[in-house]
Amino acid sequence: MPEELLIARGVEAGYPGKKILFGVDFEVHRGEVVALLGANGSGKSTALNCVSGFIRPSAGSIRVDGDELAGRRPHEIFRAGIAQVSQTRDLFPDMSVEENLRLGAARRPQIDAGRQLVTVLEDFPRLAERSAQTVRSMSGGEQQMVTIARALMSAPKLLLLDEPSGGLAPKFVEEIGAVMMRLKEVGTTMLMVEQNLRLALSVADRFLVLKAGRVSEGGNLRQGGSPEAIVQSIYF
């Protein structure tokens, strides 16, 4: 069994007046891709945001490489090697692609930004061709690629992806899927929330289903998990 990189136990979280997670347990092994699946409002993004520190858990433990991260601030968790690609992208539209990418390594002083830029652009040839272009002038799919590439500039131990294909045209969904497969092939550990089941099931090694803030089911997709059964487990 591969080594556990992320271990979450008994995680509870929510917002004022509304609890979202009720004692969630999950883990991600080093080099593994895990998909968090579930209907809208099931707590998927909340779970991801607890790992990255954007939401502070009210109870429970989140350990990465043995270090307790629950309750620490987002910038501290980022420095510990966890990078998140959020739905909002949070790019700097009037800066170039390269300038946005270099910001991804700015708070990781141990990273050689120039060398990491070369490595990252090898996985994103479209961005390499447009490195001097302003982000504002790019399509939504291209901007999403910039967001993922910027997260990779920090050479993360764990990459968190929140709806990476959200709102994209089918052409870009395929490209994002191809990028994720390349990252998987080189051993990038990923935890993703994804509504596009076709994409999620094609990339992930395992899946977890959240229902009403609890993990209700899970399975190993490399051992013949049935997409129909997964859909049933999410919505019924």
Protein backbone atom coordinates (compact mmCIF):
# COMPACT_ATOMS: atom_id res chain seq x y z
CA MET A 1 0.00 0.00 0.00
CA PRO A 2 1.45 3.44 -0.97
CA GLU A 3 2.34 5.82 1.82
CA GLU A 4 -0.45 8.08 3.08
CA LEU A 5 0.32 11.72 2.32
CA LEU A 6 -2.93 13.30 3.55
CA ILE A 7 -4.99 11.96 6.44
CA ALA A 8 -8.22 13.71 7.49
CA ARG A 9 -10.11 12.44 10.51
CA GLY A 10 -13.35 13.66 12.08
CA VAL A 11 -13.38 16.94 10.15
CA GLU A 12 -16.30 19.21 10.97
CA ALA A 13 -16.79 22.60 9.35
CA GLY A 14 -19.34 25.09 8.08
CA TYR A 15 -20.44 28.68 8.13
CA PRO A 16 -22.23 30.80 10.77
CA GLY A 17 -25.56 29.13 11.37
CA LYS A 18 -24.94 26.28 8.94
CA LYS A 19 -22.85 23.18 9.51
CA ILE A 20 -21.61 21.55 6.29
CA LEU A 21 -19.27 18.71 7.30
CA PHE A 22 -20.14 16.21 10.02
CA GLY A 23 -17.05 14.21 10.96
CA VAL A 24 -15.51 13.49 7.56
CA ASP A 25 -12.68 10.92 7.25
CA PHE A 26 -10.53 10.40 4.16
CA GLU A 27 -6.95 9.96 3.04
CA VAL A 28 -4.85 10.39 -0.08
CA HIS A 29 -1.79 8.27 -0.76
CA ARG A 30 1.37 9.68 -2.28
CA GLY A 31 1.16 9.66 -6.08
CA GLU A 32 -2.59 8.98 -6.05
CA VAL A 33 -5.48 10.88 -7.62
CA VAL A 34 -8.68 10.94 -5.55
CA ALA A 35 -11.99 12.42 -6.72
CA LEU A 36 -14.48 13.86 -4.24
CA LEU A 37 -17.90 13.35 -5.81
CA GLY A 38 -21.39 14.30 -4.73
CA ALA A 39 -24.44 16.39 -5.50
CA ASN A 40 -24.42 20.18 -5.11
CA GLY A 41 -24.28 21.16 -1.46
CA SER A 42 -22.86 17.84 -0.27
CA GLY A 43 -19.73 19.47 1.18
CA LYS A 44 -17.12 18.68 -1.49
CA SER A 45 -15.64 22.17 -1.86
CA THR A 46 -15.87 22.74 1.89
CA ALA A 47 -13.74 19.63 2.46
CA LEU A 48 -11.19 20.86 -0.07
CA ASN A 49 -11.12 24.32 1.50
CA CYS A 50 -10.51 22.80 4.93
CA VAL A 51 -7.37 21.14 3.58
CA SER A 52 -6.08 24.38 2.02
CA GLY A 53 -6.99 26.49 5.06
CA PHE A 54 -9.56 28.72 3.37
CA ILE A 55 -12.09 27.30 5.83
CA ARG A 56 -11.08 26.63 9.42
CA PRO A 57 -12.44 23.28 10.69
CA SER A 58 -14.37 23.43 13.94
CA ALA A 59 -13.17 19.94 14.85
CA GLY A 60 -10.98 17.14 13.56
CA SER A 61 -7.46 16.60 12.26
CA ILE A 62 -5.87 17.19 8.85
CA ARG A 63 -2.30 15.92 8.60
CA VAL A 64 0.02 16.11 5.61
CA ASP A 65 3.32 14.26 5.86
CA GLY A 66 2.59 13.91 9.58
CA ASP A 67 2.21 17.67 10.17
CA GLU A 68 -1.07 18.95 11.61
CA LEU A 69 -2.54 21.60 9.30
CA ALA A 70 -6.08 22.00 10.66
CA GLY A 71 -6.56 25.58 11.78
CA ARG A 72 -3.40 26.94 10.17
CA ARG A 73 -3.61 29.89 7.81
CA PRO A 74 -3.73 29.40 4.02
CA HIS A 75 -0.30 30.91 3.38
CA GLU A 76 1.25 28.59 6.00
CA ILE A 77 -0.41 25.57 4.39
CA PHE A 78 0.80 26.72 0.97
CA ARG A 79 4.36 26.93 2.28
CA ALA A 80 3.94 23.39 3.59
CA GLY A 81 3.44 22.25 0.00
CA ILE A 82 -0.32 22.27 -0.63
CA ALA A 83 -1.55 24.31 -3.62
CA GLN A 84 -5.20 24.79 -4.58
CA VAL A 85 -6.75 25.61 -7.93
CA SER A 86 -10.00 27.37 -6.98
CA GLN A 87 -13.12 27.93 -9.05
CA THR A 88 -12.54 31.70 -9.07
CA ARG A 89 -9.02 31.38 -10.62
CA ASP A 90 -7.78 34.62 -8.93
CA LEU A 91 -5.42 35.55 -11.76
CA PHE A 92 -3.92 38.99 -12.41
CA PRO A 93 -5.58 39.81 -15.76
CA ASP A 94 -3.31 42.66 -16.84
CA MET A 95 -0.12 40.71 -16.19
CA SER A 96 1.40 38.29 -18.67
CA VAL A 97 1.15 34.52 -18.51
CA GLU A 98 4.78 34.27 -17.38
CA GLU A 99 4.34 36.94 -14.70
CA ASN A 100 1.30 35.12 -13.31
CA LEU A 101 3.17 31.83 -13.31
CA ARG A 102 6.21 33.21 -11.50
CA LEU A 103 3.92 34.41 -8.70
CA GLY A 104 3.14 30.75 -8.02
CA ALA A 105 6.69 30.23 -6.73
CA ALA A 106 6.98 33.58 -4.94
CA ARG A 107 6.33 32.24 -1.43
CA ARG A 108 8.29 29.03 -1.89
CA PRO A 109 11.88 30.32 -1.57
CA GLN A 110 13.32 26.82 -1.95
CA ILE A 111 11.99 26.68 -5.52
CA ASP A 112 14.19 27.79 -8.43
CA ALA A 113 11.47 29.73 -10.26
CA GLY A 114 13.30 29.84 -13.59
CA ARG A 115 13.92 26.12 -13.67
CA GLN A 116 10.40 25.34 -12.47
CA LEU A 117 8.96 27.60 -15.18
CA VAL A 118 10.73 25.57 -17.87
CA THR A 119 9.42 22.33 -16.36
CA VAL A 120 5.84 23.59 -16.06
CA LEU A 121 5.70 25.00 -19.59
CA GLU A 122 6.73 21.63 -20.98
CA ASP A 123 3.33 20.37 -19.80
CA PHE A 124 1.54 23.44 -21.17
CA PRO A 125 2.81 24.08 -24.72
CA ARG A 126 -0.13 26.40 -25.42
CA LEU A 127 1.02 28.64 -22.55
CA ALA A 128 4.64 28.46 -23.67
CA GLU A 129 3.55 29.95 -27.00
CA ARG A 130 1.64 32.72 -25.20
CA SER A 131 3.99 33.45 -22.30
CA ALA A 132 4.09 37.19 -23.06
CA GLN A 133 0.34 37.52 -23.62
CA THR A 134 -1.82 39.20 -20.99
CA VAL A 135 -4.17 36.85 -19.18
CA ARG A 136 -7.13 39.17 -19.83
CA SER A 137 -6.88 38.49 -23.57
CA MET A 138 -7.11 34.71 -23.16
CA SER A 139 -10.13 32.42 -23.34
CA GLY A 140 -11.63 30.86 -20.21
CA GLY A 141 -10.01 27.52 -20.99
CA GLU A 142 -6.60 29.10 -21.45
CA GLN A 143 -7.00 31.03 -18.19
CA GLN A 144 -7.80 27.77 -16.40
CA MET A 145 -4.58 26.31 -17.75
CA VAL A 146 -2.71 29.32 -16.36
CA THR A 147 -4.33 28.73 -12.97
CA ILE A 148 -3.27 25.07 -12.88
CA ALA A 149 0.22 25.88 -14.16
CA ARG A 150 0.63 28.62 -11.53
CA ALA A 151 -0.23 26.13 -8.77
CA LEU A 152 2.38 23.73 -10.17
CA MET A 153 5.03 26.46 -10.02
CA SER A 154 5.19 25.83 -6.27
CA ALA A 155 6.13 22.16 -6.88
CA PRO A 156 3.36 21.07 -4.49
CA LYS A 157 3.30 17.85 -2.50
CA LEU A 158 -0.48 17.88 -2.96
CA LEU A 159 -2.47 19.61 -5.69
CA LEU A 160 -6.10 20.46 -4.85
CA LEU A 161 -8.42 21.00 -7.80
CA ASP A 162 -11.88 22.53 -7.33
CA GLU A 163 -13.99 21.98 -10.46
CA PRO A 164 -11.07 22.26 -12.95
CA SER A 165 -13.43 21.80 -15.93
CA GLY A 166 -16.17 24.10 -14.63
CA GLY A 167 -17.71 26.29 -17.35
CA LEU A 168 -15.28 25.19 -20.06
CA ALA A 169 -16.08 24.22 -23.64
CA PRO A 170 -15.69 20.49 -24.44
CA LYS A 171 -12.43 21.15 -26.31
CA PHE A 172 -10.82 22.62 -23.20
CA VAL A 173 -12.29 19.95 -20.92
CA GLU A 174 -10.39 17.41 -23.03
CA GLU A 175 -7.20 19.47 -22.80
CA ILE A 176 -7.52 19.83 -19.03
CA GLY A 177 -8.07 16.08 -18.81
CA ALA A 178 -4.94 15.45 -20.87
CA VAL A 179 -2.93 17.77 -18.61
CA MET A 180 -4.15 15.96 -15.52
CA MET A 181 -3.22 12.60 -17.02
CA ARG A 182 0.31 13.87 -17.74
CA LEU A 183 0.59 15.11 -14.15
CA LYS A 184 -0.62 11.75 -12.89
CA GLU A 185 1.99 9.93 -15.00
CA VAL A 186 4.80 11.86 -13.32
CA GLY A 187 3.45 11.08 -9.85
CA THR A 188 1.62 14.29 -8.91
CA THR A 189 -0.68 13.68 -5.93
CA MET A 190 -4.11 15.20 -6.53
CA LEU A 191 -7.37 15.59 -4.65
CA MET A 192 -10.11 16.98 -6.88
CA VAL A 193 -13.72 18.03 -6.80
CA GLU A 194 -15.26 17.56 -10.23
CA GLN A 195 -18.87 17.53 -11.46
CA ASN A 196 -17.87 16.16 -14.87
CA LEU A 197 -18.00 12.46 -13.98
CA ARG A 198 -16.48 11.38 -17.28
CA LEU A 199 -13.40 13.49 -16.60
CA ALA A 200 -13.20 12.55 -12.91
CA LEU A 201 -13.51 8.82 -13.51
CA SER A 202 -10.99 8.84 -16.37
CA VAL A 203 -8.28 10.43 -14.22
CA ALA A 204 -8.90 9.31 -10.63
CA ASP A 205 -7.56 6.16 -8.98
CA ARG A 206 -10.19 6.28 -6.24
CA PHE A 207 -13.39 8.15 -5.52
CA LEU A 208 -15.24 9.23 -2.39
CA VAL A 209 -18.91 10.18 -2.37
CA LEU A 210 -20.07 12.90 0.01
CA LYS A 211 -23.73 13.06 1.01
CA ALA A 212 -25.05 15.72 3.37
CA GLY A 213 -21.59 16.39 4.76
CA ARG A 214 -20.58 12.77 5.35
CA VAL A 215 -18.55 10.26 3.35
CA SER A 216 -21.18 7.74 2.29
CA GLU A 217 -19.22 5.57 -0.11
CA GLY A 218 -15.91 5.10 -1.89
CA GLY A 219 -14.21 2.80 -4.33
CA ASN A 220 -11.13 1.92 -6.34
CA LEU A 221 -11.57 2.85 -9.99
CA ARG A 222 -8.56 0.78 -11.02
CA GLN A 223 -10.40 -2.34 -9.87
CA GLY A 224 -13.35 -1.94 -12.17
CA GLY A 225 -15.59 0.58 -10.41
CA SER A 226 -18.86 0.95 -12.32
CA PRO A 227 -19.75 4.50 -13.46
CA GLU A 228 -23.45 3.62 -13.25
CA ALA A 229 -23.08 2.48 -9.65
CA ILE A 230 -21.18 5.67 -8.82
CA VAL A 231 -23.97 7.83 -10.28
CA GLN A 232 -26.49 5.83 -8.24
CA SER A 233 -24.44 6.36 -5.08
CA ILE A 234 -24.31 10.12 -5.63
CA TYR A 235 -27.93 10.88 -6.40
CA PHE A 236 -29.94 8.06 -4.83
